Amino acid sequence: MTFQTYTLFVLSVIMISFGPVENRLNLLQLQNDIDKLKADFNSSHSDVADGGPIFTERLSSWTERNEKRIILSQIISMYLKMLENTDRSKAHVRNISEELHTLKESLSDGSKKMEDLKDLTKLQMSDLKIQRKAVNELFSVLQKLGDISSSQKRKRSQCQRLCKC
């Protein structure tokens, strides 16, 4: 898949998944800009196909709406970071960047959640103070996990009662 295909796919997923706010984005209008960006990056080069897709495979395992917001906000951030190093005097680069910024704003809660996940990976679990705090929070973390688990069981049993298969 080419850069253009990735971009169109990601933007399409955002539009389909998140409704009216993202529907302001016009993929057909952006297609010409993406074609120009594709030429800028020489994305028809033979090495583009090496190693498979970058984003699309990761998106397939994120199924829930809120989960998708998390991964999509991170993907949009990566596109924006990539475009920071391109020639901003080109209209097509500016147009794509503006659309991505708009999408990023609409996914801001996903960005916050992604930051929370990153912060968790940075915790030094070998630090005694961190360990003490973690132990103090263990029971309430397990309670929240129990609440989630029982809520899922309730939903499944309600669905089974309603379904007359």
Protein backbone atom coordinates (compact mmCIF):
# COMPACT_ATOMS: atom_id res chain seq x y z
CA MET A 1 0.00 0.00 0.00
CA THR A 2 1.14 3.51 -0.72
CA PHE A 3 1.28 6.51 1.57
CA GLN A 4 -1.85 7.83 -0.15
CA THR A 5 -3.73 4.61 0.52
CA TYR A 6 -2.71 4.64 4.19
CA THR A 7 -3.78 8.23 4.58
CA LEU A 8 -7.11 7.70 2.85
CA PHE A 9 -7.75 4.57 4.91
CA VAL A 10 -6.99 6.25 8.24
CA LEU A 11 -9.06 9.30 7.40
CA SER A 12 -11.93 7.09 6.20
CA VAL A 13 -11.89 5.10 9.44
CA ILE A 14 -12.02 8.33 11.41
CA MET A 15 -14.97 9.62 9.39
CA ILE A 16 -16.91 6.37 9.65
CA SER A 17 -16.16 5.82 13.33
CA PHE A 18 -16.76 9.24 14.74
CA GLY A 19 -19.65 10.70 12.84
CA PRO A 20 -20.67 14.32 12.30
CA VAL A 21 -17.61 16.21 13.54
CA GLU A 22 -15.29 14.31 11.27
CA ASN A 23 -17.73 14.36 8.34
CA ARG A 24 -16.61 17.92 7.69
CA LEU A 25 -13.52 16.30 6.23
CA ASN A 26 -13.87 15.83 2.49
CA LEU A 27 -11.67 12.94 1.35
CA LEU A 28 -12.31 13.61 -2.32
CA GLN A 29 -11.10 17.17 -1.90
CA LEU A 30 -7.99 15.92 -0.09
CA GLN A 31 -7.20 13.24 -2.65
CA ASN A 32 -5.45 15.69 -4.99
CA ASP A 33 -3.39 17.07 -2.09
CA ILE A 34 -2.47 13.55 -1.05
CA ASP A 35 -1.42 12.75 -4.63
CA LYS A 36 0.94 15.73 -4.52
CA LEU A 37 2.28 14.65 -1.14
CA LYS A 38 2.77 11.16 -2.53
CA ALA A 39 4.91 12.65 -5.30
CA ASP A 40 6.87 14.71 -2.73
CA PHE A 41 7.72 11.55 -0.81
CA ASN A 42 8.25 9.41 -3.93
CA SER A 43 5.90 6.89 -2.33
CA SER A 44 5.73 4.79 -5.48
CA HIS A 45 9.27 3.63 -4.71
CA SER A 46 9.58 -0.16 -4.57
CA ASP A 47 10.59 -0.26 -0.88
CA VAL A 48 7.16 1.05 0.23
CA ALA A 49 5.71 -2.48 0.08
CA ASP A 50 8.51 -3.98 2.22
CA GLY A 51 7.40 -5.17 5.64
CA GLY A 52 3.68 -4.67 5.08
CA PRO A 53 1.41 -1.85 6.26
CA ILE A 54 2.39 0.57 9.00
CA PHE A 55 -0.99 1.60 10.41
CA THR A 56 -3.75 -0.52 8.90
CA GLU A 57 -2.73 -3.76 10.62
CA ARG A 58 -2.67 -2.04 14.00
CA LEU A 59 -6.11 -0.57 13.45
CA SER A 60 -7.71 -3.96 12.90
CA SER A 61 -7.22 -5.08 16.50
CA TRP A 62 -8.80 -1.92 17.97
CA THR A 63 -12.50 -2.64 17.73
CA GLU A 64 -14.33 -0.51 20.28
CA ARG A 65 -15.12 3.12 19.45
CA ASN A 66 -13.14 4.51 22.40
CA GLU A 67 -10.22 2.22 21.66
CA LYS A 68 -10.13 3.47 18.09
CA ARG A 69 -10.07 7.05 19.31
CA ILE A 70 -6.90 6.25 21.24
CA ILE A 71 -4.99 4.61 18.39
CA LEU A 72 -6.26 7.05 15.76
CA SER A 73 -5.23 10.06 17.83
CA GLN A 74 -1.74 8.60 18.02
CA ILE A 75 -1.64 7.86 14.29
CA ILE A 76 -2.78 11.41 13.49
CA SER A 77 -0.04 12.73 15.78
CA MET A 78 2.50 10.70 13.87
CA TYR A 79 1.30 12.11 10.53
CA LEU A 80 1.50 15.62 11.95
CA LYS A 81 5.01 14.99 13.24
CA MET A 82 6.03 13.70 9.82
CA LEU A 83 4.56 16.75 8.08
CA GLU A 84 6.43 19.14 10.42
CA ASN A 85 9.58 18.30 8.50
CA THR A 86 8.11 18.93 5.06
CA ASP A 87 7.96 22.11 3.00
CA ARG A 88 5.13 24.09 4.64
CA SER A 89 5.13 26.61 1.79
CA LYS A 90 3.33 24.05 -0.38
CA ALA A 91 -0.44 24.48 -0.30
CA HIS A 92 -1.17 20.75 -0.31
CA VAL A 93 1.01 20.20 2.77
CA ARG A 94 -0.75 23.04 4.60
CA ASN A 95 -4.20 21.73 3.62
CA ILE A 96 -3.46 18.20 4.80
CA SER A 97 -1.90 19.50 8.02
CA GLU A 98 -4.94 21.69 8.73
CA GLU A 99 -7.31 18.76 8.23
CA LEU A 100 -5.17 16.54 10.46
CA HIS A 101 -5.10 19.24 13.16
CA THR A 102 -8.90 19.45 12.99
CA LEU A 103 -9.15 15.69 13.37
CA LYS A 104 -6.63 15.72 16.21
CA GLU A 105 -8.76 18.23 18.10
CA SER A 106 -11.85 16.07 17.67
CA LEU A 107 -9.89 13.11 19.07
CA SER A 108 -8.43 15.02 22.01
CA ASP A 109 -9.80 12.60 24.60
CA GLY A 110 -7.99 9.81 22.76
CA SER A 111 -4.77 11.80 22.92
CA LYS A 112 -5.13 12.22 26.68
CA LYS A 113 -5.70 8.49 27.08
CA MET A 114 -2.65 7.75 24.95
CA GLU A 115 -0.56 10.06 27.13
CA ASP A 116 -1.82 8.20 30.20
CA LEU A 117 -0.64 4.92 28.65
CA LYS A 118 2.76 6.40 27.82
CA ASP A 119 3.09 7.75 31.36
CA LEU A 120 2.36 4.29 32.77
CA THR A 121 5.20 2.77 30.76
CA LYS A 122 7.59 5.35 32.23
CA LEU A 123 6.85 4.41 35.86
CA GLN A 124 9.91 3.01 37.60
CA MET A 125 8.36 -0.04 39.23
CA SER A 126 11.68 -0.85 40.91
CA ASP A 127 11.42 2.42 42.90
CA LEU A 128 10.33 1.65 46.49
CA LYS A 129 8.14 4.77 46.75
CA ILE A 130 6.32 3.82 43.51
CA GLN A 131 5.89 0.27 44.84
CA ARG A 132 4.39 1.55 48.10
CA LYS A 133 1.92 3.76 46.26
CA ALA A 134 1.02 0.92 43.91
CA VAL A 135 0.36 -1.46 46.81
CA ASN A 136 -1.86 1.16 48.47
CA GLU A 137 -3.91 1.44 45.26
CA LEU A 138 -4.05 -2.29 44.47
CA PHE A 139 -7.42 -2.99 46.11
CA SER A 140 -9.21 -0.12 44.36
CA VAL A 141 -7.64 -1.10 41.02
CA LEU A 142 -8.94 -4.64 41.50
CA GLN A 143 -12.36 -3.27 42.45
CA LYS A 144 -12.51 -1.28 39.22
CA LEU A 145 -11.50 -4.35 37.27
CA GLY A 146 -14.25 -6.32 39.03
CA ASP A 147 -16.78 -3.59 38.16
CA ILE A 148 -15.80 -3.76 34.49
CA SER A 149 -15.91 -7.55 34.46
CA SER A 150 -19.35 -7.77 36.09
CA SER A 151 -20.70 -5.05 33.79
CA GLN A 152 -19.58 -7.10 30.77
CA LYS A 153 -21.22 -10.23 32.20
CA ARG A 154 -24.46 -8.28 32.73
CA LYS A 155 -24.42 -7.02 29.16
CA ARG A 156 -23.86 -10.54 27.82
CA SER A 157 -26.68 -12.03 29.89
CA GLN A 158 -29.05 -9.19 28.90
CA CYS A 159 -28.19 -9.76 25.27
CA GLN A 160 -28.82 -13.49 25.61
CA ARG A 161 -32.24 -12.85 27.16
CA LEU A 162 -33.19 -10.41 24.40
CA CYS A 163 -31.92 -12.57 21.57
CA LYS A 164 -34.50 -15.10 20.41
CA CYS A 165 -32.10 -17.06 18.20
